[in-house]
Protein backbone atom coordinates (compact mmCIF):
# COMPACT_ATOMS: atom_id res chain seq x y z
CA UNK A 1 2.30 29.74 -37.15
CA UNK A 2 -1.12 28.37 -36.68
CA UNK A 3 -0.14 25.30 -38.57
CA UNK A 4 3.01 24.87 -36.67
CA UNK A 5 1.16 25.13 -33.41
CA UNK A 6 -1.32 22.49 -34.71
CA UNK A 7 1.49 20.13 -35.72
CA UNK A 8 3.11 20.77 -32.34
CA UNK A 9 -0.06 19.78 -30.41
CA UNK A 10 -0.34 16.60 -32.60
CA UNK A 11 3.21 15.74 -31.68
CA UNK A 12 2.58 16.14 -28.25
CA UNK A 13 -0.61 14.10 -28.27
CA UNK A 14 1.46 11.39 -30.28
CA UNK A 15 4.17 11.13 -27.62
CA UNK A 16 1.62 11.26 -24.64
CA UNK A 17 -0.43 8.49 -26.13
CA UNK A 18 2.69 6.69 -26.78
CA UNK A 19 4.09 7.21 -23.06
CA UNK A 20 0.48 5.94 -21.87
CA UNK A 21 0.71 3.09 -24.01
CA UNK A 22 4.24 2.11 -22.91
CA UNK A 23 3.11 2.39 -19.09
CA UNK A 24 0.15 0.45 -19.68
CA UNK A 25 2.44 -2.30 -21.04
CA UNK A 26 4.95 -2.23 -18.37
CA UNK A 27 2.16 -2.36 -15.66
CA UNK A 28 0.71 -5.40 -17.53
CA UNK A 29 4.43 -6.93 -17.52
CA UNK A 30 5.19 -6.34 -14.05
CA UNK A 31 3.32 -8.06 -11.19
CA UNK A 32 4.05 -5.53 -8.57
CA UNK A 33 3.50 -2.51 -10.77
CA UNK A 34 0.23 -4.03 -12.11
CA UNK A 35 -1.12 -3.45 -8.75
CA UNK A 36 -0.97 0.10 -8.92
CA UNK A 37 -4.28 1.23 -10.66
CA UNK A 38 -4.81 4.64 -12.45
CA UNK A 39 -6.13 7.24 -10.08
CA UNK A 40 -5.28 5.02 -7.17
CA UNK A 41 -5.83 6.62 -3.57
CA UNK A 42 -5.01 3.81 -1.43
CA UNK A 43 -2.01 1.65 -0.81
CA UNK A 44 -0.50 -1.01 -2.83
CA UNK A 45 -1.75 -4.62 -1.55
CA UNK A 46 -0.03 -5.70 1.48
CA UNK A 47 2.51 -8.60 1.40
CA UNK A 48 3.47 -8.60 5.24
CA UNK A 49 1.77 -8.65 8.46
CA UNK A 50 2.90 -5.14 9.41
CA UNK A 51 1.57 -3.79 6.09
CA UNK A 52 -1.84 -5.71 6.78
CA UNK A 53 -2.19 -4.10 10.10
CA UNK A 54 -1.30 -0.52 8.58
CA UNK A 55 -3.93 -1.03 5.93
CA UNK A 56 -6.28 -1.94 8.63
CA UNK A 57 -5.60 1.06 10.80
CA UNK A 58 -5.50 3.40 7.84
CA UNK A 59 -9.18 2.15 6.89
CA UNK A 60 -10.44 2.84 10.42
CA UNK A 61 -8.76 6.42 10.24
CA UNK A 62 -10.21 7.11 7.15
CA UNK A 63 -13.83 6.69 8.39
CA UNK A 64 -13.02 8.45 11.43
CA UNK A 65 -11.56 11.42 9.46
CA UNK A 66 -14.47 11.40 6.94
CA UNK A 67 -16.99 11.44 9.81
CA UNK A 68 -15.37 14.30 11.61
CA UNK A 69 -15.04 16.02 8.30
CA UNK A 70 -18.65 15.90 7.38
CA UNK A 71 -19.89 16.69 10.66
CA UNK A 72 -17.70 19.86 11.04
CA UNK A 73 -18.70 20.94 7.39
CA UNK A 74 -22.40 20.44 8.09
CA UNK A 75 -22.12 22.20 11.42
CA UNK A 76 -20.52 25.26 9.72
CA UNK A 77 -23.12 25.14 6.93
CA UNK A 78 -25.78 25.06 9.59
CA UNK A 79 -24.20 28.08 11.58
CA UNK A 80 -23.76 30.23 8.30
CA UNK A 81 -27.36 29.76 7.31
CA UNK A 82 -29.19 30.00 10.79
CA UNK A 83 -26.88 32.80 12.19
CA UNK A 84 -26.60 34.90 8.89
CA UNK A 85 -27.26 38.71 9.18
CA UNK A 86 -30.58 38.61 7.48
CA UNK A 87 -31.99 35.98 9.80
CA UNK A 88 -30.33 37.86 12.98
CA UNK A 89 -30.28 41.58 12.59
CA UNK A 90 -29.89 41.88 16.27
CA UNK A 91 -26.58 39.97 17.51
CA UNK A 92 -26.84 37.60 20.22
CA UNK A 93 -25.34 38.59 23.57
CA UNK A 94 -24.73 34.96 24.76
CA UNK A 95 -20.91 34.68 25.85
CA UNK A 96 -20.61 30.79 26.39
CA UNK A 97 -22.38 27.63 26.83
CA UNK A 98 -20.76 25.50 29.37
CA UNK A 99 -22.32 22.39 28.32
CA UNK A 100 -21.22 22.98 24.77
CA UNK A 101 -17.56 23.92 25.81
CA UNK A 102 -17.30 20.58 27.96
CA UNK A 103 -18.63 18.60 24.84
CA UNK A 104 -16.18 19.90 22.44
CA UNK A 105 -13.37 19.33 24.81
CA UNK A 106 -14.21 15.85 25.82
CA UNK A 107 -15.43 14.35 22.50
CA UNK A 108 -12.08 15.31 20.66
CA UNK A 109 -10.14 13.75 23.70
CA UNK A 110 -12.34 10.55 23.30
CA UNK A 111 -11.51 10.39 19.58
CA UNK A 112 -7.78 10.82 20.03
CA UNK A 113 -7.77 7.90 22.70
CA UNK A 114 -9.66 5.98 20.17
CA UNK A 115 -7.04 6.47 17.60
CA UNK A 116 -4.28 6.29 19.98
CA UNK A 117 -4.69 2.73 21.10
CA UNK A 118 -4.55 0.87 17.86
CA UNK A 119 -1.83 3.42 16.79
CA UNK A 120 0.43 2.45 19.56
CA UNK A 121 -0.18 -1.41 19.13
CA UNK A 122 1.03 -0.79 15.57
CA UNK A 123 4.04 1.09 16.48
CA UNK A 124 5.14 -1.60 19.04
CA UNK A 125 4.28 -4.23 16.52
CA UNK A 126 6.65 -2.67 14.22
CA UNK A 127 9.41 -2.03 16.59
CA UNK A 128 9.51 -5.28 18.26
CA UNK A 129 11.45 -7.46 15.84
CA UNK A 130 11.08 -11.19 16.18
CA UNK A 131 13.94 -13.71 16.21
CA UNK A 132 15.15 -13.40 12.47
CA UNK A 133 15.72 -16.11 10.14
CA UNK A 134 17.55 -13.84 7.65
CA UNK A 135 19.48 -10.74 8.24
CA UNK A 136 21.05 -8.22 5.83
CA UNK A 137 22.40 -4.75 5.98
CA UNK A 138 21.46 -1.87 3.62
CA UNK A 139 24.05 0.84 3.33
CA UNK A 140 22.75 3.93 1.82
CA UNK A 141 25.30 5.66 -0.44
CA UNK A 142 25.15 8.54 -2.73
CA UNK A 143 23.31 7.02 -5.07
CA UNK A 144 22.91 3.52 -4.65
CA UNK A 145 22.67 0.54 -2.11
CA UNK A 146 25.28 -1.72 -0.76
CA UNK A 147 23.87 -4.95 0.75
CA UNK A 148 25.79 -7.20 2.95
CA UNK A 149 24.63 -10.50 4.05
CA UNK A 150 26.76 -11.64 7.17
CA UNK A 151 26.92 -15.05 8.69
CA UNK A 152 28.22 -18.38 7.63
CA UNK A 153 25.51 -19.32 5.23
CA UNK A 154 26.16 -16.19 3.13
CA UNK A 155 29.16 -13.65 3.97
CA UNK A 156 29.20 -11.57 1.02
CA UNK A 157 28.48 -8.14 -0.10
CA UNK A 158 27.05 -6.34 -3.46
CA UNK A 159 26.29 -3.15 -4.81
CA UNK A 160 22.81 -2.63 -6.13
CA UNK A 161 22.62 0.32 -8.93
CA UNK A 162 19.61 1.79 -10.48
CA UNK A 163 19.24 0.88 -14.31
CA UNK A 164 17.47 4.06 -15.12
CA UNK A 165 20.15 6.76 -15.33
CA UNK A 166 19.94 10.43 -15.38
CA UNK A 167 21.01 10.48 -19.09
CA UNK A 168 18.28 8.26 -19.89
CA UNK A 169 15.68 10.21 -17.92
CA UNK A 170 16.95 13.16 -19.94
CA UNK A 171 16.41 11.02 -23.20
CA UNK A 172 20.11 11.12 -24.00
CA UNK A 173 20.44 7.39 -24.11
CA UNK A 174 18.29 4.04 -24.10
CA UNK A 175 16.63 3.46 -20.67
CA UNK A 176 18.20 0.12 -19.32
CA UNK A 177 15.71 -0.76 -16.91
CA UNK A 178 12.84 -0.57 -19.44
CA UNK A 179 15.12 -2.54 -22.13
CA UNK A 180 15.56 -5.27 -19.30
CA UNK A 181 11.65 -5.53 -18.91
CA UNK A 182 11.79 -3.64 -15.43
CA UNK A 183 9.76 -0.55 -14.35
CA UNK A 184 11.75 2.83 -15.18
CA UNK A 185 13.36 4.29 -12.23
CA UNK A 186 12.78 1.21 -10.06
CA UNK A 187 14.67 -1.73 -11.46
CA UNK A 188 18.30 -2.48 -10.44
CA UNK A 189 21.16 -4.53 -11.37
CA UNK A 190 21.59 -6.72 -8.32
CA UNK A 191 18.10 -7.24 -6.49
CA UNK A 192 17.93 -8.39 -2.91
CA UNK A 193 16.62 -11.79 -2.42
CA UNK A 194 14.78 -13.07 0.69
CA UNK A 195 12.93 -16.33 1.48
CA UNK A 196 9.22 -16.17 1.82
CA UNK A 197 7.36 -16.56 5.12
CA UNK A 198 10.66 -15.84 7.02
CA UNK A 199 11.31 -13.06 9.48
CA UNK A 200 13.71 -10.72 7.62
CA UNK A 201 15.73 -8.16 9.77
CA UNK A 202 17.23 -5.33 7.99
CA UNK A 203 20.03 -3.14 9.49
CA UNK A 204 20.23 0.24 7.74
CA UNK A 205 23.21 2.37 7.73
CA UNK A 206 24.42 5.56 5.95
CA UNK A 207 27.68 5.95 4.50
CA UNK A 208 27.66 9.70 3.55
CA UNK A 209 24.25 11.43 4.24
CA UNK A 210 20.77 10.25 5.53
CA UNK A 211 19.06 7.94 3.02
CA UNK A 212 15.93 5.75 3.80
CA UNK A 213 15.35 2.45 2.90
CA UNK A 214 11.53 2.04 1.95
CA UNK A 215 9.54 -1.09 0.77
CA UNK A 216 5.80 0.10 0.81
CA UNK A 217 4.12 -3.32 0.38
CA UNK A 218 6.30 -4.72 3.20
CA UNK A 219 5.31 -1.82 5.43
CA UNK A 220 8.99 -0.83 5.93
CA UNK A 221 10.55 2.88 5.75
CA UNK A 222 13.62 3.04 7.97
CA UNK A 223 16.08 5.90 7.81
CA UNK A 224 19.83 5.07 7.15
CA UNK A 225 21.69 7.37 9.29
CA UNK A 226 25.59 7.89 9.00
CA UNK A 227 27.04 6.50 12.53
CA UNK A 228 23.90 4.89 13.54
CA UNK A 229 22.60 1.31 12.93
CA UNK A 230 18.88 1.37 12.55
CA UNK A 231 16.82 -1.80 12.55
CA UNK A 232 13.40 -3.07 11.05
CA UNK A 233 11.92 -6.12 9.89
CA UNK A 234 9.24 -7.66 7.62
CA UNK A 235 7.86 -11.10 6.84
CA UNK A 236 6.92 -11.40 3.15
CA UNK A 237 3.63 -13.77 2.82
CA UNK A 238 3.92 -14.24 -0.96
CA UNK A 239 6.43 -14.85 -3.62
CA UNK A 240 6.98 -12.02 -6.15
CA UNK A 241 8.83 -8.95 -7.05
CA UNK A 242 8.60 -5.96 -5.10
CA UNK A 243 9.80 -2.09 -5.58
CA UNK A 244 10.71 0.57 -3.07
CA UNK A 245 13.05 3.59 -3.14
CA UNK A 246 15.21 5.94 -1.08
CA UNK A 247 12.60 7.83 0.58
CA UNK A 248 14.84 10.59 2.18
CA UNK A 249 16.23 13.47 0.05
CA UNK A 250 19.94 12.91 -0.20
CA UNK A 251 21.18 14.75 -3.02
CA UNK A 252 21.05 15.30 -6.84
CA UNK A 253 20.49 11.65 -7.84
CA UNK A 254 17.84 10.74 -5.03
CA UNK A 255 15.40 9.69 -7.83
CA UNK A 256 17.67 7.24 -9.26
CA UNK A 257 18.02 5.12 -5.99
CA UNK A 258 15.73 2.15 -6.27
CA UNK A 259 15.26 -0.90 -4.12
CA UNK A 260 14.22 -4.12 -5.99
CA UNK A 261 13.41 -7.07 -3.66
CA UNK A 262 12.61 -10.69 -4.87
CA UNK A 263 10.97 -12.92 -2.61
CA UNK A 264 11.39 -16.65 -3.37
CA UNK A 265 10.98 -20.11 -2.43
CA UNK A 266 13.52 -21.64 0.21
CA UNK A 267 14.76 -23.70 -2.68
CA UNK A 268 15.24 -20.77 -4.98
CA UNK A 269 16.99 -18.78 -1.95
CA UNK A 270 19.35 -21.55 -1.37
CA UNK A 271 20.41 -21.53 -5.00
CA UNK A 272 20.81 -17.87 -5.10
CA UNK A 273 22.97 -17.85 -2.15
CA UNK A 274 25.34 -20.51 -3.56
CA UNK A 275 25.51 -18.33 -6.78
CA UNK A 276 25.97 -15.00 -4.88
CA UNK A 277 28.77 -16.41 -2.82
CA UNK A 278 30.67 -16.96 -6.20
CA UNK A 279 29.65 -13.92 -7.69
CA UNK A 280 29.79 -11.24 -4.96
CA UNK A 281 32.89 -10.04 -2.77
CA UNK A 282 33.23 -11.89 0.49
CA UNK A 283 33.07 -10.05 3.77
CA UNK A 284 36.27 -9.65 5.66
CA UNK A 285 36.57 -11.19 9.23
CA UNK A 286 35.75 -7.85 10.81
CA UNK A 287 33.05 -6.78 8.29
CA UNK A 288 30.27 -7.97 10.52
CA UNK A 289 31.13 -5.94 13.35
CA UNK A 290 28.23 -3.53 14.14
CA UNK A 291 30.74 -0.97 15.92
CA UNK A 292 32.82 -0.78 12.66
CA UNK A 293 29.85 0.10 10.55
CA UNK A 294 28.28 2.53 12.98
CA UNK A 295 31.93 4.34 13.20
CA UNK A 296 31.92 4.74 9.20
């Protein structure tokens, strides 16, 4: 029995080591995933003006939270030591301290105001969509995304399915995502393409239940709600491949509903549009109607 346990542990260590090696190779092969570091506690590097402001605000909050936490912890430690039973055998009869009560009311209010000002600026910056250069719709379905590119320059629709399946996750079949050189659980068969340094408007809709279109490096997370069109935007500042996922629990295969975004040059985007118009299904005359989509 001891020998079997030893062999079992060795087998587990070999599998774990192999998994770590495969993950390291995958991180090195994928530029976007290579930005994820072991034991990382911060965000992935920003690739849009919105995400840059989110990172800045997050940094400011981090120092405020750290200062408040250390101050409260230090104050609590000082009280525990100074007012312990051995040092104060006779309890104090003081009921209140007006100055202290005013201070611990006003100071938190000031801190909240300091936090609120950049917070509201960021919220308005995210909500105020500039005039878009490109608009596409992300329609959440169980469990994949359908994208529509309306307008004379595009006017087509396509489904985007995750390459990693539940059977692959269970080890019952090869992982098509890894085989294609894409990150496990994040690669798709038909990625979204957008041009670099252009304002991209994303209209999200849910076809069945609530989903959420999330692209962390762009600072985007917008719910896709049935019967409602939500709008968000981003402006990719660098060329590359970026990954996101559905970020609203939407059913059994929620974990297999990824988003793959390719940010390319204007010339490459024009070439992709020309190829996509031949490859994907054309939108009908009324498919661009917002009322029709919201009433689904």
